[in-house]
PDB file of all heavy atoms in Angstrom:
ATOM      1  N   ILE A   1      -7.169  -6.790   9.725  1.00  0.00           N
ATOM      2  CA  ILE A   1      -8.212  -6.157  10.539  1.00  0.00           C
ATOM      3  C   ILE A   1      -8.817  -4.953   9.821  1.00  0.00           C
ATOM      4  O   ILE A   1      -9.919  -4.501  10.140  1.00  0.00           O
ATOM      5  CB  ILE A   1      -7.637  -5.737  11.914  1.00  0.00           C
ATOM      6  CG1 ILE A   1      -8.769  -5.448  12.889  1.00  0.00           C
ATOM      7  CG2 ILE A   1      -6.713  -4.528  11.776  1.00  0.00           C
ATOM      8  CD1 ILE A   1      -8.298  -5.131  14.305  1.00  0.00           C
ATOM      9  N   ASN A   2      -8.103  -4.436   8.818  1.00  0.00           N
ATOM     10  CA  ASN A   2      -8.624  -3.307   8.048  1.00  0.00           C
ATOM     11  C   ASN A   2      -9.800  -3.692   7.157  1.00  0.00           C
ATOM     12  O   ASN A   2     -10.608  -2.822   6.783  1.00  0.00           O
ATOM     13  CB  ASN A   2      -7.518  -2.729   7.154  1.00  0.00           C
ATOM     14  CG  ASN A   2      -6.411  -2.076   7.944  1.00  0.00           C
ATOM     15  OD1 ASN A   2      -6.635  -1.129   8.677  1.00  0.00           O
ATOM     16  ND2 ASN A   2      -5.193  -2.583   7.790  1.00  0.00           N
ATOM     17  N   LEU A   3      -9.899  -4.976   6.781  1.00  0.00           N
ATOM     18  CA  LEU A   3     -10.905  -5.379   5.797  1.00  0.00           C
ATOM     19  C   LEU A   3     -12.346  -5.110   6.231  1.00  0.00           C
ATOM     20  O   LEU A   3     -13.102  -4.470   5.493  1.00  0.00           O
ATOM     21  CB  LEU A   3     -10.715  -6.846   5.429  1.00  0.00           C
ATOM     22  CG  LEU A   3      -9.481  -7.165   4.577  1.00  0.00           C
ATOM     23  CD1 LEU A   3      -9.401  -8.659   4.305  1.00  0.00           C
ATOM     24  CD2 LEU A   3      -9.534  -6.391   3.259  1.00  0.00           C
ATOM     25  N   PRO A   4     -12.787  -5.592   7.399  1.00  0.00           N
ATOM     26  CA  PRO A   4     -14.196  -5.340   7.759  1.00  0.00           C
ATOM     27  C   PRO A   4     -14.510  -3.859   7.897  1.00  0.00           C
ATOM     28  O   PRO A   4     -15.570  -3.398   7.463  1.00  0.00           O
ATOM     29  CB  PRO A   4     -14.365  -6.087   9.091  1.00  0.00           C
ATOM     30  CG  PRO A   4     -12.982  -6.312   9.608  1.00  0.00           C
ATOM     31  CD  PRO A   4     -12.114  -6.437   8.409  1.00  0.00           C
ATOM     32  N   LEU A   5     -13.605  -3.086   8.481  1.00  0.00           N
ATOM     33  CA  LEU A   5     -13.842  -1.650   8.640  1.00  0.00           C
ATOM     34  C   LEU A   5     -13.878  -0.958   7.281  1.00  0.00           C
ATOM     35  O   LEU A   5     -14.745  -0.115   7.018  1.00  0.00           O
ATOM     36  CB  LEU A   5     -12.752  -1.028   9.520  1.00  0.00           C
ATOM     37  CG  LEU A   5     -12.739  -1.435  10.987  1.00  0.00           C
ATOM     38  CD1 LEU A   5     -11.522  -0.844  11.688  1.00  0.00           C
ATOM     39  CD2 LEU A   5     -14.017  -0.984  11.685  1.00  0.00           C
ATOM     40  N   GLY A   6     -12.934  -1.314   6.409  1.00  0.00           N
ATOM     41  CA  GLY A   6     -12.878  -0.695   5.089  1.00  0.00           C
ATOM     42  C   GLY A   6     -14.088  -1.020   4.241  1.00  0.00           C
ATOM     43  O   GLY A   6     -14.644  -0.151   3.551  1.00  0.00           O
ATOM     44  N   LEU A   7     -14.521  -2.274   4.260  1.00  0.00           N
ATOM     45  CA  LEU A   7     -15.701  -2.677   3.485  1.00  0.00           C
ATOM     46  C   LEU A   7     -16.956  -1.998   4.013  1.00  0.00           C
ATOM     47  O   LEU A   7     -17.844  -1.608   3.237  1.00  0.00           O
ATOM     48  CB  LEU A   7     -15.853  -4.199   3.519  1.00  0.00           C
ATOM     49  CG  LEU A   7     -14.745  -4.981   2.794  1.00  0.00           C
ATOM     50  CD1 LEU A   7     -14.923  -6.488   3.009  1.00  0.00           C
ATOM     51  CD2 LEU A   7     -14.756  -4.653   1.291  1.00  0.00           C
ATOM     52  N   LEU A   8     -17.054  -1.843   5.344  1.00  0.00           N
ATOM     53  CA  LEU A   8     -18.196  -1.133   5.928  1.00  0.00           C
ATOM     54  C   LEU A   8     -18.211   0.319   5.459  1.00  0.00           C
ATOM     55  O   LEU A   8     -19.270   0.841   5.071  1.00  0.00           O
ATOM     56  CB  LEU A   8     -18.114  -1.202   7.452  1.00  0.00           C
ATOM     57  CG  LEU A   8     -19.167  -0.393   8.217  1.00  0.00           C
ATOM     58  CD1 LEU A   8     -20.566  -0.912   7.921  1.00  0.00           C
ATOM     59  CD2 LEU A   8     -18.887  -0.426   9.721  1.00  0.00           C
ATOM     60  N   ALA A   9     -17.055   0.968   5.485  1.00  0.00           N
ATOM     61  CA  ALA A   9     -16.983   2.357   5.034  1.00  0.00           C
ATOM     62  C   ALA A   9     -17.357   2.474   3.551  1.00  0.00           C
ATOM     63  O   ALA A   9     -18.075   3.396   3.152  1.00  0.00           O
ATOM     64  CB  ALA A   9     -15.573   2.915   5.271  1.00  0.00           C
ATOM     65  N   LEU A  10     -16.881   1.531   2.736  1.00  0.00           N
ATOM     66  CA  LEU A  10     -17.228   1.536   1.315  1.00  0.00           C
ATOM     67  C   LEU A  10     -18.734   1.435   1.105  1.00  0.00           C
ATOM     68  O   LEU A  10     -19.306   2.156   0.279  1.00  0.00           O
ATOM     69  CB  LEU A  10     -16.533   0.365   0.607  1.00  0.00           C
ATOM     70  CG  LEU A  10     -15.160   0.602  -0.011  1.00  0.00           C
ATOM     71  CD1 LEU A  10     -14.640  -0.685  -0.630  1.00  0.00           C
ATOM     72  CD2 LEU A  10     -15.219   1.710  -1.065  1.00  0.00           C
ATOM     73  N   ALA A  11     -19.370   0.542   1.845  1.00  0.00           N
ATOM     74  CA  ALA A  11     -20.809   0.335   1.690  1.00  0.00           C
ATOM     75  C   ALA A  11     -21.583   1.592   2.074  1.00  0.00           C
ATOM     76  O   ALA A  11     -22.510   2.007   1.364  1.00  0.00           O
ATOM     77  CB  ALA A  11     -21.258  -0.857   2.538  1.00  0.00           C
ATOM     78  N   VAL A  12     -21.220   2.201   3.199  1.00  0.00           N
ATOM     79  CA  VAL A  12     -21.947   3.391   3.657  1.00  0.00           C
ATOM     80  C   VAL A  12     -21.757   4.547   2.681  1.00  0.00           C
ATOM     81  O   VAL A  12     -22.704   5.263   2.341  1.00  0.00           O
ATOM     82  CB  VAL A  12     -21.477   3.780   5.075  1.00  0.00           C
ATOM     83  CG1 VAL A  12     -22.091   5.117   5.479  1.00  0.00           C
ATOM     84  CG2 VAL A  12     -21.848   2.701   6.079  1.00  0.00           C
ATOM     85  N   ILE A  13     -20.531   4.748   2.224  1.00  0.00           N
ATOM     86  CA  ILE A  13     -20.252   5.839   1.290  1.00  0.00           C
ATOM     87  C   ILE A  13     -21.009   5.627  -0.025  1.00  0.00           C
ATOM     88  O   ILE A  13     -21.536   6.575  -0.622  1.00  0.00           O
ATOM     89  CB  ILE A  13     -18.735   5.949   1.043  1.00  0.00           C
ATOM     90  CG1 ILE A  13     -18.053   6.487   2.304  1.00  0.00           C
ATOM     91  CG2 ILE A  13     -18.433   6.850  -0.155  1.00  0.00           C
ATOM     92  CD1 ILE A  13     -16.554   6.398   2.273  1.00  0.00           C
ATOM     93  N   ALA A  14     -21.072   4.380  -0.490  1.00  0.00           N
ATOM     94  CA  ALA A  14     -21.788   4.085  -1.733  1.00  0.00           C
ATOM     95  C   ALA A  14     -23.263   4.447  -1.632  1.00  0.00           C
ATOM     96  O   ALA A  14     -23.876   4.917  -2.598  1.00  0.00           O
ATOM     97  CB  ALA A  14     -21.632   2.605  -2.082  1.00  0.00           C
ATOM     98  N   VAL A  15     -23.860   4.267  -0.447  1.00  0.00           N
ATOM     99  CA  VAL A  15     -25.293   4.497  -0.276  1.00  0.00           C
ATOM    100  C   VAL A  15     -25.585   5.946   0.110  1.00  0.00           C
ATOM    101  O   VAL A  15     -26.507   6.573  -0.436  1.00  0.00           O
ATOM    102  CB  VAL A  15     -25.854   3.544   0.803  1.00  0.00           C
ATOM    103  CG1 VAL A  15     -27.310   3.892   1.118  1.00  0.00           C
ATOM    104  CG2 VAL A  15     -25.741   2.100   0.341  1.00  0.00           C
ATOM    105  N   ALA A  16     -24.813   6.503   1.040  1.00  0.00           N
ATOM    106  CA  ALA A  16     -25.189   7.779   1.659  1.00  0.00           C
ATOM    107  C   ALA A  16     -24.569   9.008   1.011  1.00  0.00           C
ATOM    108  O   ALA A  16     -25.142  10.095   1.089  1.00  0.00           O
ATOM    109  CB  ALA A  16     -24.812   7.747   3.149  1.00  0.00           C
ATOM    110  N   LEU A  17     -23.405   8.873   0.395  1.00  0.00           N
ATOM    111  CA  LEU A  17     -22.734  10.049  -0.168  1.00  0.00           C
ATOM    112  C   LEU A  17     -23.145  10.237  -1.626  1.00  0.00           C
ATOM    113  O   LEU A  17     -22.977   9.324  -2.446  1.00  0.00           O
ATOM    114  CB  LEU A  17     -21.212   9.894  -0.061  1.00  0.00           C
ATOM    115  CG  LEU A  17     -20.366  11.102  -0.477  1.00  0.00           C
ATOM    116  CD1 LEU A  17     -20.705  12.310   0.387  1.00  0.00           C
ATOM    117  CD2 LEU A  17     -18.880  10.782  -0.378  1.00  0.00           C
ATOM    118  N   LYS A  18     -23.677  11.400  -1.944  1.00  0.00           N
ATOM    119  CA  LYS A  18     -24.168  11.666  -3.295  1.00  0.00           C
ATOM    120  C   LYS A  18     -22.998  11.982  -4.231  1.00  0.00           C
ATOM    121  O   LYS A  18     -22.089  12.732  -3.872  1.00  0.00           O
ATOM    122  CB  LYS A  18     -25.136  12.843  -3.294  1.00  0.00           C
ATOM    123  CG  LYS A  18     -26.337  12.642  -2.377  1.00  0.00           C
ATOM    124  CD  LYS A  18     -27.126  11.404  -2.756  1.00  0.00           C
ATOM    125  CE  LYS A  18     -28.332  11.224  -1.833  1.00  0.00           C
ATOM    126  NZ  LYS A  18     -29.036   9.955  -2.102  1.00  0.00           N
ATOM    127  N   PRO A  19     -23.012  11.439  -5.451  1.00  0.00           N
ATOM    128  CA  PRO A  19     -21.942  11.746  -6.412  1.00  0.00           C
ATOM    129  C   PRO A  19     -22.140  13.116  -7.021  1.00  0.00           C
ATOM    130  O   PRO A  19     -23.197  13.733  -6.881  1.00  0.00           O
ATOM    131  CB  PRO A  19     -22.097  10.649  -7.466  1.00  0.00           C
ATOM    132  CG  PRO A  19     -23.553  10.335  -7.442  1.00  0.00           C
ATOM    133  CD  PRO A  19     -23.999  10.505  -6.007  1.00  0.00           C
ATOM    134  N   ARG A  20     -21.115  13.584  -7.726  1.00  0.00           N
ATOM    135  CA  ARG A  20     -21.221  14.848  -8.451  1.00  0.00           C
ATOM    136  C   ARG A  20     -22.296  14.721  -9.527  1.00  0.00           C
ATOM    137  O   ARG A  20     -22.374  13.721 -10.230  1.00  0.00           O
ATOM    138  CB  ARG A  20     -19.874  15.194  -9.075  1.00  0.00           C
ATOM    139  CG  ARG A  20     -19.910  16.320 -10.061  1.00  0.00           C
ATOM    140  CD  ARG A  20     -18.534  16.821 -10.407  1.00  0.00           C
ATOM    141  NE  ARG A  20     -17.941  17.542  -9.299  1.00  0.00           N
ATOM    142  CZ  ARG A  20     -16.790  18.190  -9.380  1.00  0.00           C
ATOM    143  NH1 ARG A  20     -16.109  18.192 -10.501  1.00  0.00           N
ATOM    144  NH2 ARG A  20     -16.313  18.827  -8.340  1.00  0.00           N
ATOM    145  N   GLY A  21     -23.125  15.742  -9.642  1.00  0.00           N
ATOM    146  CA  GLY A  21     -24.284  15.649 -10.520  1.00  0.00           C
ATOM    147  C   GLY A  21     -24.002  15.924 -11.981  1.00  0.00           C
ATOM    148  O   GLY A  21     -24.803  15.578 -12.831  1.00  0.00           O
ATOM    149  N   ILE A  22     -22.875  16.595 -12.312  1.00  0.00           N
ATOM    150  CA  ILE A  22     -22.603  16.928 -13.704  1.00  0.00           C
ATOM    151  C   ILE A  22     -21.205  16.469 -14.074  1.00  0.00           C
ATOM    152  O   ILE A  22     -20.373  16.205 -13.226  1.00  0.00           O
ATOM    153  CB  ILE A  22     -22.727  18.445 -13.953  1.00  0.00           C
ATOM    154  CG1 ILE A  22     -21.702  19.199 -13.088  1.00  0.00           C
ATOM    155  CG2 ILE A  22     -24.129  18.937 -13.671  1.00  0.00           C
ATOM    156  CD1 ILE A  22     -21.637  20.683 -13.382  1.00  0.00           C
ATOM    157  N   ARG A  23     -20.967  16.353 -15.364  1.00  0.00           N
ATOM    158  CA  ARG A  23     -19.658  15.955 -15.872  1.00  0.00           C
ATOM    159  C   ARG A  23     -19.020  17.155 -16.570  1.00  0.00           C
ATOM    160  O   ARG A  23     -19.653  17.820 -17.381  1.00  0.00           O
ATOM    161  CB  ARG A  23     -19.785  14.797 -16.862  1.00  0.00           C
ATOM    162  CG  ARG A  23     -20.420  13.538 -16.263  1.00  0.00           C
ATOM    163  CD  ARG A  23     -19.519  12.896 -15.242  1.00  0.00           C
ATOM    164  NE  ARG A  23     -20.134  11.717 -14.658  1.00  0.00           N
ATOM    165  CZ  ARG A  23     -19.633  11.042 -13.639  1.00  0.00           C
ATOM    166  NH1 ARG A  23     -18.500  11.445 -13.081  1.00  0.00           N
ATOM    167  NH2 ARG A  23     -20.248   9.982 -13.163  1.00  0.00           N
ATOM    168  N   VAL A  24     -17.785  17.427 -16.244  1.00  0.00           N
ATOM    169  CA  VAL A  24     -17.070  18.546 -16.846  1.00  0.00           C
ATOM    170  C   VAL A  24     -15.725  18.041 -17.342  1.00  0.00           C
ATOM    171  O   VAL A  24     -15.047  17.261 -16.674  1.00  0.00           O
ATOM    172  CB  VAL A  24     -16.852  19.688 -15.810  1.00  0.00           C
ATOM    173  CG1 VAL A  24     -16.111  20.851 -16.469  1.00  0.00           C
ATOM    174  CG2 VAL A  24     -18.180  20.147 -15.243  1.00  0.00           C
ATOM    175  N   LYS A  25     -15.337  18.471 -18.531  1.00  0.00           N
ATOM    176  CA  LYS A  25     -14.043  18.091 -19.068  1.00  0.00           C
ATOM    177  C   LYS A  25     -12.953  18.923 -18.395  1.00  0.00           C
ATOM    178  O   LYS A  25     -13.075  20.138 -18.284  1.00  0.00           O
ATOM    179  CB  LYS A  25     -14.013  18.306 -20.586  1.00  0.00           C
ATOM    180  CG  LYS A  25     -12.736  17.802 -21.237  1.00  0.00           C
ATOM    181  CD  LYS A  25     -12.784  17.956 -22.746  1.00  0.00           C
ATOM    182  CE  LYS A  25     -11.506  17.423 -23.383  1.00  0.00           C
ATOM    183  NZ  LYS A  25     -11.539  17.562 -24.861  1.00  0.00           N
ATOM    184  N   HIS A  26     -11.896  18.261 -17.959  1.00  0.00           N
ATOM    185  CA  HIS A  26     -10.842  18.930 -17.211  1.00  0.00           C
ATOM    186  C   HIS A  26      -9.497  18.789 -17.915  1.00  0.00           C
ATOM    187  O   HIS A  26      -9.265  17.844 -18.660  1.00  0.00           O
ATOM    188  CB  HIS A  26     -10.720  18.339 -15.799  1.00  0.00           C
ATOM    189  CG  HIS A  26     -11.973  18.444 -15.002  1.00  0.00           C
ATOM    190  ND1 HIS A  26     -12.401  19.611 -14.429  1.00  0.00           N
ATOM    191  CD2 HIS A  26     -12.899  17.504 -14.676  1.00  0.00           C
ATOM    192  CE1 HIS A  26     -13.540  19.402 -13.778  1.00  0.00           C
ATOM    193  NE2 HIS A  26     -13.864  18.132 -13.919  1.00  0.00           N
ATOM    194  N   ALA A  27      -8.625  19.747 -17.640  1.00  0.00           N
ATOM    195  CA  ALA A  27      -7.243  19.690 -18.121  1.00  0.00           C
ATOM    196  C   ALA A  27      -6.358  19.186 -16.984  1.00  0.00           C
ATOM    197  O   ALA A  27      -6.148  19.894 -15.997  1.00  0.00           O
ATOM    198  CB  ALA A  27      -6.783  21.075 -18.578  1.00  0.00           C
ATOM    199  N   ILE A  28      -5.893  17.942 -17.071  1.00  0.00           N
ATOM    200  CA  ILE A  28      -5.098  17.347 -16.003  1.00  0.00           C
ATOM    201  C   ILE A  28      -3.673  17.887 -16.044  1.00  0.00           C
ATOM    202  O   ILE A  28      -3.035  17.923 -17.088  1.00  0.00           O
ATOM    203  CB  ILE A  28      -5.075  15.806 -16.128  1.00  0.00           C
ATOM    204  CG1 ILE A  28      -6.499  15.265 -16.164  1.00  0.00           C
ATOM    205  CG2 ILE A  28      -4.307  15.198 -14.967  1.00  0.00           C
ATOM    206  CD1 ILE A  28      -7.308  15.558 -14.940  1.00  0.00           C
ATOM    207  N   ASP A  29      -3.181  18.284 -14.892  1.00  0.00           N
ATOM    208  CA  ASP A  29      -1.835  18.849 -14.779  1.00  0.00           C
ATOM    209  C   ASP A  29      -0.824  17.717 -14.544  1.00  0.00           C
ATOM    210  O   ASP A  29      -0.287  17.560 -13.443  1.00  0.00           O
ATOM    211  CB  ASP A  29      -1.811  19.868 -13.634  1.00  0.00           C
ATOM    212  CG  ASP A  29      -0.448  20.513 -13.450  1.00  0.00           C
ATOM    213  OD1 ASP A  29       0.356  20.483 -14.399  1.00  0.00           O
ATOM    214  OD2 ASP A  29      -0.190  21.035 -12.347  1.00  0.00           O
ATOM    215  N   TYR A  30      -0.567  16.934 -15.586  1.00  0.00           N
ATOM    216  CA  TYR A  30       0.350  15.800 -15.449  1.00  0.00           C
ATOM    217  C   TYR A  30       1.769  16.228 -15.072  1.00  0.00           C
ATOM    218  O   TYR A  30       2.391  15.604 -14.201  1.00  0.00           O
ATOM    219  CB  TYR A  30       0.365  14.977 -16.744  1.00  0.00           C
ATOM    220  CG  TYR A  30      -0.930  14.264 -17.027  1.00  0.00           C
ATOM    221  CD1 TYR A  30      -1.762  14.669 -18.069  1.00  0.00           C
ATOM    222  CD2 TYR A  30      -1.337  13.189 -16.240  1.00  0.00           C
ATOM    223  CE1 TYR A  30      -2.958  14.021 -18.339  1.00  0.00           C
ATOM    224  CE2 TYR A  30      -2.540  12.530 -16.495  1.00  0.00           C
ATOM    225  CZ  TYR A  30      -3.337  12.956 -17.547  1.00  0.00           C
ATOM    226  OH  TYR A  30      -4.541  12.316 -17.795  1.00  0.00           O
ATOM    227  N   PRO A  31       2.342  17.285 -15.692  1.00  0.00           N
ATOM    228  CA  PRO A  31       3.682  17.713 -15.265  1.00  0.00           C
ATOM    229  C   PRO A  31       3.730  18.088 -13.785  1.00  0.00           C
ATOM    230  O   PRO A  31       4.699  17.776 -13.083  1.00  0.00           O
ATOM    231  CB  PRO A  31       3.971  18.926 -16.165  1.00  0.00           C
ATOM    232  CG  PRO A  31       3.119  18.717 -17.369  1.00  0.00           C
ATOM    233  CD  PRO A  31       1.874  18.064 -16.858  1.00  0.00           C
ATOM    234  N   GLY A  32       2.673  18.739 -13.307  1.00  0.00           N
ATOM    235  CA  GLY A  32       2.631  19.099 -11.889  1.00  0.00           C
ATOM    236  C   GLY A  32       2.613  17.879 -10.994  1.00  0.00           C
ATOM    237  O   GLY A  32       3.299  17.824  -9.964  1.00  0.00           O
ATOM    238  N   PHE A  33       1.811  16.866 -11.357  1.00  0.00           N
ATOM    239  CA  PHE A  33       1.771  15.618 -10.590  1.00  0.00           C
ATOM    240  C   PHE A  33       3.163  14.990 -10.491  1.00  0.00           C
ATOM    241  O   PHE A  33       3.616  14.595  -9.416  1.00  0.00           O
ATOM    242  CB  PHE A  33       0.808  14.615 -11.253  1.00  0.00           C
ATOM    243  CG  PHE A  33      -0.645  14.947 -11.080  1.00  0.00           C
ATOM    244  CD1 PHE A  33      -1.580  14.515 -12.006  1.00  0.00           C
ATOM    245  CD2 PHE A  33      -1.076  15.694 -10.003  1.00  0.00           C
ATOM    246  CE1 PHE A  33      -2.927  14.814 -11.856  1.00  0.00           C
ATOM    247  CE2 PHE A  33      -2.424  16.009  -9.845  1.00  0.00           C
ATOM    248  CZ  PHE A  33      -3.350  15.574 -10.774  1.00  0.00           C
ATOM    249  N   VAL A  34       3.840  14.892 -11.649  1.00  0.00           N
ATOM    250  CA  VAL A  34       5.140  14.224 -11.692  1.00  0.00           C
ATOM    251  C   VAL A  34       6.181  15.000 -10.894  1.00  0.00           C
ATOM    252  O   VAL A  34       6.938  14.420 -10.086  1.00  0.00           O
ATOM    253  CB  VAL A  34       5.604  14.055 -13.153  1.00  0.00           C
ATOM    254  CG1 VAL A  34       7.037  13.527 -13.202  1.00  0.00           C
ATOM    255  CG2 VAL A  34       4.673  13.101 -13.902  1.00  0.00           C
ATOM    256  N   LEU A  35       6.239  16.313 -11.076  1.00  0.00           N
ATOM    257  CA  LEU A  35       7.254  17.117 -10.398  1.00  0.00           C
ATOM    258  C   LEU A  35       7.036  17.143  -8.890  1.00  0.00           C
ATOM    259  O   LEU A  35       7.990  17.023  -8.110  1.00  0.00           O
ATOM    260  CB  LEU A  35       7.244  18.544 -10.953  1.00  0.00           C
ATOM    261  CG  LEU A  35       7.737  18.700 -12.392  1.00  0.00           C
ATOM    262  CD1 LEU A  35       7.446  20.104 -12.915  1.00  0.00           C
ATOM    263  CD2 LEU A  35       9.233  18.400 -12.482  1.00  0.00           C
ATOM    264  N   LEU A  36       5.784  17.289  -8.459  1.00  0.00           N
ATOM    265  CA  LEU A  36       5.501  17.312  -7.026  1.00  0.00           C
ATOM    266  C   LEU A  36       5.801  15.959  -6.395  1.00  0.00           C
ATOM    267  O   LEU A  36       6.396  15.877  -5.316  1.00  0.00           O
ATOM    268  CB  LEU A  36       4.042  17.697  -6.777  1.00  0.00           C
ATOM    269  CG  LEU A  36       3.614  17.782  -5.308  1.00  0.00           C
ATOM    270  CD1 LEU A  36       4.433  18.840  -4.569  1.00  0.00           C
ATOM    271  CD2 LEU A  36       2.126  18.096  -5.195  1.00  0.00           C
ATOM    272  N   SER A  37       5.422  14.879  -7.073  1.00  0.00           N
ATOM    273  CA  SER A  37       5.694  13.538  -6.546  1.00  0.00           C
ATOM    274  C   SER A  37       7.196  13.293  -6.426  1.00  0.00           C
ATOM    275  O   SER A  37       7.677  12.779  -5.406  1.00  0.00           O
ATOM    276  CB  SER A  37       5.064  12.475  -7.461  1.00  0.00           C
ATOM    277  OG  SER A  37       3.666  12.624  -7.521  1.00  0.00           O
TER     278      SER A  37
END
């Protein structure tokens, strides 16, 4: 039952929600991800 609702949400978000306008290089905190998880 999640499929129709999820696909509808995907479609609306793809059309209506604007993406980030610029690209920035980031330093990913991999140790933090692993330790917190």
